[in-house]
Amino acid sequence: MNVFMVGWEFPPFISGGLGTACYGLTKAMDQLGIQVTFVLPKTSSSHYSSHLKMLSAEAGGGGGKLKNVKFRTIASLLRPYVTSGTYGNPFAHSASQKRKTAGHTDCLDPAENYRGDMYAEVHRYAGQAAQIAATEEFDIVHTHDWMTYPAGIAVAKASGKPLVVQVHSTEFDRSGENVNQMIYDIEREGMHAAAKIIAVSNFTKNIITSRYGVAPEKVEVVYNGVDCSNATFSHAMPDKTDKIVLFLGRITMQKGPDYFVAAAKKVLEIINNVKFVIAGDGDMMYRIIELAAHLGIGHKVLFTRFLRGSDVDRIYQMADLYVMPSVSEPFGIAPLEALHHNVPVLISKQSGIAEVLTHALRVDFWDINEMANKIAAVLKYPPLRKALSDNGHSEAHKFRWEDSAAKLCKIYEQILTPA
């Protein structure tokens, strides 16, 4: 089976969880012998490069080569998480608008931000992808998230091949009720043009069916996995006197960093020897710094900015607890990564991972009192922390990209060989 896949990030062009997901899924598909042509935007800037090298038939990653995967790139600064106002009026939102910002960033250099019409760039990219597709042989088209849906539609129309769209996040996740109409329209068009829609959780499937008018039987749930090929990391860190509570993710409305800081204030009222580390970048970063200062805990809240590679491993090793207070999280790969590093997790009930992860503490993102109580409990009671860590570590290994890829391949076969 040959798959023409269109995405907007893949190592080394990576800014968040979707790059991790595309890597894990593509690597597992390669192991199943699926031929994949992966199209993605390419920038000449090393600013976007992660610790992973671009994978190809010649350059492998994760201990092996991707023999069945080849990459085609399109010159573009197309980026999913942009700073406020980067794309002109359609994306111009004040950073002070709580719960209303559609655009955000992990690692964009303001000097390198795409300047122009976002809508035109997305469709220019679609035209370029269709030109590439004309030179390739494939059975099915698979696209990841809204920026690539126009490309998928164009390729499917030109080739006559069926389209699959995979929804890793929706505009309602990113923007709440203040959706960007242009993005919503692109998402809806892509979903309705697809033969099948892949959702990363039932949480996301419910949004797709209720908000985009899609029939439930058209949506298949394929959970993400975690790469457990690395060695288990030692949790002990020398000369560590304070407990560490970790937030790792984009500092944006969707991820709930303000709730994390508000809960930190309450924890620090009863436990003094604890630091709260916020690892990431985003359009709310300076506002969160100001919030910590306003609450009088600025000296207890540390900001690392965007981390990559061994720095991510190191921060997990330092952490006593990982907290994901997301307002709306389609899945949540980071909690699985934390558990892989033997770090217990506290997750938002408003997340896809909460559907399937048993050995994790849960809290409504808005309930900062309960969030603080559960953070304090893990820090004060080592047996609780150990039980969550040990059981969660074992459970995380059940989320395998190989299983995700196998289920995806069955969906492909159902589309190509209808009853």
Protein backbone atom coordinates (compact mmCIF):
# COMPACT_ATOMS: atom_id res chain seq x y z
CA MET A 1 0.00 0.00 0.00
CA ASN A 2 1.25 3.48 -0.91
CA VAL A 3 0.20 6.54 1.09
CA PHE A 4 0.60 10.18 0.07
CA MET A 5 0.81 11.99 3.40
CA VAL A 6 0.73 15.76 3.90
CA GLY A 7 1.75 17.40 7.17
CA TRP A 8 3.11 20.66 8.47
CA GLU A 9 5.81 19.44 10.80
CA PHE A 10 8.17 16.53 11.16
CA PRO A 11 11.61 16.35 12.73
CA PRO A 12 13.64 18.51 12.40
CA PHE A 13 10.81 20.95 11.60
CA ILE A 14 8.95 20.57 14.86
CA SER A 15 7.15 22.86 17.26
CA GLY A 16 4.92 20.60 19.29
CA GLY A 17 3.04 17.35 19.73
CA LEU A 18 1.97 16.88 16.13
CA GLY A 19 5.58 16.53 15.00
CA THR A 20 6.05 13.83 17.63
CA ALA A 21 2.86 12.10 16.52
CA CYS A 22 3.78 12.18 12.83
CA TYR A 23 7.20 10.76 13.63
CA GLY A 24 5.87 7.93 15.79
CA LEU A 25 3.08 7.02 13.39
CA THR A 26 5.24 7.16 10.26
CA LYS A 27 8.00 5.13 11.86
CA ALA A 28 5.48 2.43 12.83
CA MET A 29 3.92 2.44 9.36
CA ASP A 30 7.37 1.96 7.89
CA GLN A 31 7.86 -1.10 10.06
CA LEU A 32 4.60 -2.51 8.69
CA GLY A 33 5.93 -2.11 5.16
CA ILE A 34 3.63 0.76 4.19
CA GLN A 35 5.12 2.98 1.49
CA VAL A 36 4.78 6.62 2.53
CA THR A 37 5.55 9.81 0.63
CA PHE A 38 5.51 12.56 3.27
CA VAL A 39 5.11 16.16 2.08
CA LEU A 40 5.87 19.01 4.48
CA PRO A 41 6.93 22.66 4.47
CA LYS A 42 10.63 23.33 4.64
CA THR A 43 12.42 26.35 6.06
CA SER A 44 16.10 27.06 5.73
CA SER A 45 16.25 28.26 9.33
CA SER A 46 18.03 26.07 11.86
CA HIS A 47 15.88 27.81 14.50
CA TYR A 48 13.22 25.15 13.96
CA SER A 49 15.56 22.18 14.12
CA SER A 50 15.05 19.68 16.88
CA HIS A 51 17.44 17.07 18.21
CA LEU A 52 16.19 14.63 15.55
CA LYS A 53 17.61 14.54 12.05
CA MET A 54 15.32 14.39 9.04
CA LEU A 55 14.46 10.76 8.51
CA SER A 56 14.72 9.21 5.07
CA ALA A 57 15.72 6.00 3.35
CA GLU A 58 19.33 7.02 3.93
CA ALA A 59 19.05 8.60 7.39
CA GLY A 60 17.33 6.61 10.07
CA GLY A 61 16.18 7.53 13.54
CA GLY A 62 15.24 5.74 16.72
CA GLY A 63 17.76 3.00 16.08
CA GLY A 64 16.62 2.09 12.58
CA LYS A 65 16.12 3.33 9.03
CA LEU A 66 12.84 4.31 7.43
CA LYS A 67 13.19 2.14 4.37
CA ASN A 68 9.70 2.76 3.04
CA VAL A 69 9.40 6.49 3.67
CA LYS A 70 10.55 9.35 1.48
CA PHE A 71 10.11 13.07 2.04
CA ARG A 72 9.15 15.81 -0.38
CA THR A 73 9.41 19.38 0.85
CA ILE A 74 7.81 22.64 -0.22
CA ALA A 75 9.55 25.93 0.47
CA SER A 76 7.27 27.64 2.98
CA LEU A 77 7.24 29.29 6.39
CA LEU A 78 3.86 27.71 7.03
CA ARG A 79 3.67 27.23 10.78
CA PRO A 80 0.79 26.08 12.98
CA TYR A 81 1.48 28.12 16.10
CA VAL A 82 2.09 31.75 15.27
CA THR A 83 2.51 34.83 17.37
CA SER A 84 -0.38 37.19 17.73
CA GLY A 85 -0.87 39.26 14.59
CA THR A 86 1.69 37.34 12.52
CA TYR A 87 -0.76 36.61 9.74
CA GLY A 88 -2.40 39.99 9.57
CA ASN A 89 -5.95 40.85 10.51
CA PRO A 90 -7.47 37.34 10.42
CA PHE A 91 -5.05 36.30 13.17
CA ALA A 92 -4.62 39.62 14.97
CA HIS A 93 -5.67 39.08 18.57
CA SER A 94 -4.48 41.00 21.60
CA ALA A 95 -2.40 38.95 24.01
CA SER A 96 -4.52 40.42 26.77
CA GLN A 97 -7.69 38.76 25.49
CA LYS A 98 -8.09 35.87 27.90
CA ARG A 99 -9.34 32.68 26.31
CA LYS A 100 -9.60 34.34 22.88
CA THR A 101 -6.27 34.01 21.10
CA ALA A 102 -6.26 31.72 18.07
CA GLY A 103 -2.58 32.09 17.18
CA HIS A 104 0.35 31.05 19.34
CA THR A 105 3.92 29.92 18.99
CA ASP A 106 6.47 27.50 20.38
CA CYS A 107 9.71 28.61 18.81
CA LEU A 108 9.16 31.16 16.06
CA ASP A 109 11.67 33.93 15.56
CA PRO A 110 9.64 37.11 14.97
CA ALA A 111 12.02 38.06 12.16
CA GLU A 112 11.18 34.82 10.38
CA ASN A 113 7.41 34.81 10.81
CA TYR A 114 5.47 34.43 7.60
CA ARG A 115 4.28 37.84 6.47
CA GLY A 116 1.25 37.84 4.20
CA ASP A 117 -2.10 36.25 3.64
CA MET A 118 -2.41 32.99 5.57
CA TYR A 119 -5.32 31.83 3.44
CA ALA A 120 -3.34 32.40 0.22
CA GLU A 121 -0.31 30.57 1.62
CA VAL A 122 -2.34 27.52 2.64
CA HIS A 123 -3.80 27.28 -0.86
CA ARG A 124 -0.46 27.95 -2.55
CA TYR A 125 0.88 25.05 -0.50
CA ALA A 126 -2.05 22.95 -1.70
CA GLY A 127 -1.20 23.68 -5.32
CA GLN A 128 2.45 22.74 -4.78
CA ALA A 129 1.43 19.49 -3.06
CA ALA A 130 -0.81 18.60 -6.01
CA GLN A 131 2.11 19.12 -8.40
CA ILE A 132 4.27 16.78 -6.33
CA ALA A 133 1.47 14.22 -6.19
CA ALA A 134 1.33 14.15 -9.99
CA THR A 135 4.81 12.58 -9.96
CA GLU A 136 4.02 9.94 -7.33
CA GLU A 137 2.16 6.63 -7.25
CA PHE A 138 -0.17 6.13 -4.28
CA ASP A 139 -3.44 4.54 -3.20
CA ILE A 140 -4.70 6.95 -0.57
CA VAL A 141 -4.19 10.55 0.64
CA HIS A 142 -3.69 11.25 4.36
CA THR A 143 -3.49 14.78 5.79
CA HIS A 144 -2.76 16.06 9.31
CA ASP A 145 -4.74 19.01 10.72
CA TRP A 146 -6.30 22.03 9.06
CA MET A 147 -3.33 23.62 7.28
CA THR A 148 -3.02 20.56 5.06
CA TYR A 149 -6.70 19.90 4.33
CA PRO A 150 -6.79 22.08 1.19
CA ALA A 151 -3.71 20.20 -0.04
CA GLY A 152 -5.39 16.88 0.65
CA ILE A 153 -8.55 17.95 -1.17
CA ALA A 154 -6.52 19.14 -4.17
CA VAL A 155 -4.47 15.94 -4.36
CA ALA A 156 -7.52 13.70 -3.95
CA LYS A 157 -9.42 15.60 -6.64
CA ALA A 158 -6.53 15.48 -9.11
CA SER A 159 -5.71 11.83 -8.48
CA GLY A 160 -9.16 10.38 -7.86
CA LYS A 161 -7.80 8.73 -4.70
CA PRO A 162 -9.71 8.71 -1.39
CA LEU A 163 -8.88 11.27 1.27
CA VAL A 164 -8.29 10.64 4.98
CA VAL A 165 -7.98 13.59 7.34
CA GLN A 166 -6.51 13.15 10.80
CA VAL A 167 -7.68 15.63 13.43
CA HIS A 168 -5.07 16.24 16.12
CA SER A 169 -6.68 19.50 17.24
CA THR A 170 -9.66 21.66 16.28
CA GLU A 171 -10.21 25.39 16.26
CA PHE A 172 -12.49 24.93 19.29
CA ASP A 173 -9.55 23.42 21.21
CA ARG A 174 -7.29 26.30 20.29
CA SER A 175 -9.72 29.20 20.60
CA GLY A 176 -12.68 28.16 22.69
CA GLU A 177 -15.86 29.79 21.41
CA ASN A 178 -13.99 32.64 19.71
CA VAL A 179 -13.17 30.58 16.62
CA ASN A 180 -11.45 31.98 13.56
CA GLN A 181 -14.09 31.55 10.86
CA MET A 182 -11.53 31.02 8.10
CA ILE A 183 -9.90 28.14 9.95
CA TYR A 184 -13.24 26.63 10.91
CA ASP A 185 -14.39 26.70 7.29
CA ILE A 186 -11.20 24.98 6.14
CA GLU A 187 -11.55 22.33 8.85
CA ARG A 188 -15.19 21.69 7.99
CA GLU A 189 -14.52 21.46 4.25
CA GLY A 190 -11.69 18.99 4.83
CA MET A 191 -13.76 16.80 7.14
CA HIS A 192 -16.71 16.66 4.74
CA ALA A 193 -14.46 15.96 1.75
CA ALA A 194 -12.79 13.00 3.48
CA ALA A 195 -13.74 9.37 3.07
CA LYS A 196 -12.81 8.86 6.72
CA ILE A 197 -11.79 11.12 9.59
CA ILE A 198 -9.24 9.95 12.15
CA ALA A 199 -9.73 11.46 15.61
CA VAL A 200 -7.08 11.04 18.30
CA SER A 201 -9.72 10.48 21.01
CA ASN A 202 -13.44 10.18 21.62
CA PHE A 203 -13.14 13.65 23.17
CA THR A 204 -12.14 14.95 19.73
CA LYS A 205 -14.67 12.76 17.91
CA ASN A 206 -17.46 14.37 19.93
CA ILE A 207 -16.29 17.85 18.89
CA ILE A 208 -16.11 16.76 15.24
CA THR A 209 -19.64 15.36 15.22
CA SER A 210 -21.28 18.10 17.29
CA ARG A 211 -19.47 21.16 15.92
CA TYR A 212 -18.78 20.24 12.30
CA GLY A 213 -21.92 18.29 11.40
CA VAL A 214 -20.13 15.03 10.65
CA ALA A 215 -21.87 11.66 10.96
CA PRO A 216 -20.37 9.61 13.84
CA GLU A 217 -19.85 6.54 11.63
CA LYS A 218 -17.48 8.56 9.45
CA VAL A 219 -15.09 9.18 12.37
CA GLU A 220 -12.63 6.54 13.62
CA VAL A 221 -10.67 6.93 16.86
CA VAL A 222 -6.97 6.04 16.74
CA TYR A 223 -5.13 6.88 19.94
CA ASN A 224 -1.58 8.21 19.90
CA GLY A 225 1.32 6.26 21.31
CA VAL A 226 4.63 6.90 23.01
CA ASP A 227 8.11 5.91 21.86
CA CYS A 228 9.46 3.58 24.54
CA SER A 229 12.52 2.54 22.56
CA ASN A 230 14.79 4.69 24.73
CA ALA A 231 16.32 3.35 27.90
CA THR A 232 14.53 3.97 31.19
CA PHE A 233 15.86 7.10 32.81
CA SER A 234 17.04 7.41 36.37
CA HIS A 235 14.82 9.75 38.36
CA ALA A 236 17.42 10.66 40.99
CA MET A 237 19.09 14.04 40.60
CA PRO A 238 22.08 15.15 42.71
CA ASP A 239 21.92 18.24 44.95
CA LYS A 240 18.17 18.64 44.49
CA THR A 241 16.68 20.29 47.57
CA ASP A 242 13.29 21.51 46.31
CA LYS A 243 10.44 19.51 44.85
CA ILE A 244 9.77 20.23 41.18
CA VAL A 245 6.30 20.48 39.67
CA LEU A 246 6.47 20.63 35.87
CA PHE A 247 4.30 22.22 33.19
CA LEU A 248 5.65 21.34 29.74
CA GLY A 249 3.78 22.59 26.71
CA ARG A 250 2.80 25.67 24.76
CA ILE A 251 2.08 28.65 26.99
CA THR A 252 -1.29 29.34 25.38
CA MET A 253 -4.94 29.54 26.26
CA GLN A 254 -5.51 25.92 25.31
CA LYS A 255 -2.92 24.56 27.74
CA GLY A 256 -4.16 26.38 30.87
CA PRO A 257 -0.89 27.83 32.23
CA ASP A 258 -2.78 30.47 34.22
CA TYR A 259 -4.60 27.74 36.15
CA PHE A 260 -1.26 26.07 36.82
CA VAL A 261 0.16 29.26 38.34
CA ALA A 262 -3.01 29.92 40.35
CA ALA A 263 -2.79 26.41 41.81
CA ALA A 264 0.93 26.94 42.50
CA LYS A 265 0.05 29.92 44.69
CA LYS A 266 -2.21 27.74 46.83
CA VAL A 267 0.35 24.92 47.09
CA LEU A 268 3.04 27.34 48.22
CA GLU A 269 0.82 28.47 51.07
CA ILE A 270 1.28 25.04 52.68
CA ILE A 271 4.54 23.72 51.18
CA ASN A 272 7.55 25.99 50.84
CA ASN A 273 10.29 23.81 49.37
CA VAL A 274 8.82 23.48 45.88
CA LYS A 275 9.53 25.09 42.52
CA PHE A 276 7.09 25.28 39.61
CA VAL A 277 8.81 24.96 36.24
CA ILE A 278 7.10 26.11 33.05
CA ALA A 279 8.86 24.68 30.00
CA GLY A 280 7.68 26.08 26.69
CA ASP A 281 6.90 29.19 24.72
CA GLY A 282 3.72 30.85 23.57
CA ASP A 283 1.71 34.01 23.26
CA MET A 284 0.75 34.02 26.96
CA MET A 285 4.28 33.69 28.31
CA TYR A 286 4.83 37.29 29.41
CA ARG A 287 1.35 37.46 30.82
CA ILE A 288 2.04 34.34 32.91
CA ILE A 289 5.32 35.83 34.13
CA GLU A 290 3.39 38.91 35.21
CA LEU A 291 0.73 36.75 36.88
CA ALA A 292 3.34 34.89 38.93
CA ALA A 293 4.87 38.20 39.99
CA HIS A 294 1.45 39.64 40.84
CA LEU A 295 0.70 36.62 43.04
CA GLY A 296 4.02 37.08 44.83
CA ILE A 297 5.46 33.76 43.70
CA GLY A 298 7.71 34.94 40.88
CA HIS A 299 10.78 33.54 42.65
CA LYS A 300 9.11 30.12 42.80
CA VAL A 301 8.04 29.90 39.15
CA LEU A 302 10.84 29.23 36.67
CA PHE A 303 10.58 29.61 32.88
CA THR A 304 12.89 27.54 30.67
CA ARG A 305 11.47 28.53 27.25
CA PHE A 306 11.18 25.86 24.52
CA LEU A 307 13.18 22.68 25.23
CA ARG A 308 14.44 20.00 22.87
CA GLY A 309 16.14 16.64 22.97
CA SER A 310 18.23 15.87 26.03
CA ASP A 311 16.94 19.01 27.76
CA VAL A 312 13.44 17.53 27.72
CA ASP A 313 14.75 14.28 29.18
CA ARG A 314 16.63 16.24 31.84
CA ILE A 315 13.62 18.28 32.94
CA TYR A 316 11.52 15.14 33.24
CA GLN A 317 14.22 13.55 35.37
CA MET A 318 14.15 16.54 37.70
CA ALA A 319 10.37 16.58 38.07
CA ASP A 320 8.43 15.12 40.99
CA LEU A 321 5.09 15.65 39.25
CA TYR A 322 3.93 16.58 35.76
CA VAL A 323 0.75 18.65 35.49
CA MET A 324 -1.31 19.06 32.30
CA PRO A 325 -4.10 21.56 33.14
CA SER A 326 -5.36 21.87 29.56
CA VAL A 327 -8.64 23.62 28.89
CA SER A 328 -9.20 21.39 25.86
CA GLU A 329 -6.68 18.67 24.99
CA PRO A 330 -7.48 16.35 22.06
CA PHE A 331 -5.10 13.69 23.36
CA GLY A 332 -1.99 14.58 25.36
CA ILE A 333 1.26 12.80 24.50
CA ALA A 334 3.28 14.64 27.17
CA PRO A 335 1.72 12.74 30.11
CA LEU A 336 2.78 9.46 28.48
CA GLU A 337 6.29 10.83 28.02
CA ALA A 338 6.36 11.88 31.68
CA LEU A 339 5.24 8.42 32.81
CA HIS A 340 7.89 6.88 30.57
CA HIS A 341 10.37 8.90 32.64
CA ASN A 342 8.80 7.60 35.89
CA VAL A 343 7.12 10.92 36.66
CA PRO A 344 3.54 10.74 38.04
CA VAL A 345 0.97 12.87 36.25
CA LEU A 346 -2.00 15.07 37.07
CA ILE A 347 -4.15 15.59 33.98
CA SER A 348 -7.14 17.65 33.00
CA LYS A 349 -10.44 15.81 32.74
CA GLN A 350 -10.94 17.83 29.56
CA SER A 351 -8.45 15.69 27.62
CA GLY A 352 -8.47 12.65 25.40
CA ILE A 353 -5.81 10.85 27.43
CA ALA A 354 -8.13 10.98 30.45
CA GLU A 355 -10.39 8.50 28.62
CA VAL A 356 -7.82 5.74 28.69
CA LEU A 357 -5.12 6.49 31.26
CA THR A 358 -5.97 4.74 34.54
CA HIS A 359 -3.00 5.50 36.78
CA ALA A 360 -3.18 9.28 36.75
CA LEU A 361 -4.73 11.91 38.95
CA ARG A 362 -7.51 13.90 37.25
CA VAL A 363 -8.93 17.36 37.83
CA ASP A 364 -11.20 19.82 36.05
CA PHE A 365 -8.90 22.47 34.59
CA TRP A 366 -10.80 25.27 36.31
CA ASP A 367 -10.76 23.71 39.79
CA ILE A 368 -7.55 25.24 41.13
CA ASN A 369 -8.36 24.23 44.71
CA GLU A 370 -8.58 20.55 43.81
CA MET A 371 -5.54 20.88 41.55
CA ALA A 372 -3.55 22.33 44.44
CA ASN A 373 -4.79 19.64 46.83
CA LYS A 374 -3.67 16.85 44.50
CA ILE A 375 -0.31 18.47 43.79
CA ALA A 376 0.29 18.81 47.53
CA ALA A 377 -0.73 15.21 48.16
CA VAL A 378 1.83 13.86 45.68
CA LEU A 379 4.57 16.06 47.16
CA LYS A 380 3.74 15.23 50.78
CA TYR A 381 3.13 11.48 50.50
CA PRO A 382 5.96 9.53 48.83
CA PRO A 383 3.99 6.23 48.75
CA LEU A 384 1.31 7.92 46.64
CA ARG A 385 3.89 9.32 44.31
CA LYS A 386 5.61 5.94 43.95
CA ALA A 387 2.36 4.10 43.26
CA LEU A 388 1.35 6.59 40.58
CA SER A 389 4.84 6.51 39.07
CA ASP A 390 5.30 2.73 39.02
CA ASN A 391 1.82 1.85 37.80
CA GLY A 392 1.71 4.72 35.36
CA HIS A 393 5.09 3.79 33.91
CA SER A 394 3.86 0.28 33.17
CA GLU A 395 0.60 1.56 31.73
CA ALA A 396 2.31 4.05 29.42
CA HIS A 397 4.02 1.19 27.63
CA LYS A 398 0.62 -0.07 26.47
CA PHE A 399 0.31 2.97 24.19
CA ARG A 400 2.31 1.76 21.19
CA TRP A 401 2.65 3.50 17.86
CA GLU A 402 2.70 0.04 16.28
CA ASP A 403 -0.90 -0.50 17.41
CA SER A 404 -1.93 2.94 16.16
CA ALA A 405 -0.39 2.25 12.75
CA ALA A 406 -1.99 -1.20 12.53
CA LYS A 407 -5.44 0.24 13.22
CA LEU A 408 -4.85 2.98 10.68
CA CYS A 409 -3.89 0.42 8.04
CA LYS A 410 -7.14 -1.48 8.66
CA ILE A 411 -9.04 1.77 8.07
CA TYR A 412 -7.15 2.28 4.81
CA GLU A 413 -8.10 -1.25 3.71
CA GLN A 414 -11.77 -0.67 4.56
CA ILE A 415 -11.79 2.48 2.42
CA LEU A 416 -10.03 0.82 -0.51
CA THR A 417 -12.09 -2.38 -0.40
CA PRO A 418 -15.63 -1.31 0.53
CA ALA A 419 -18.19 -4.02 1.23
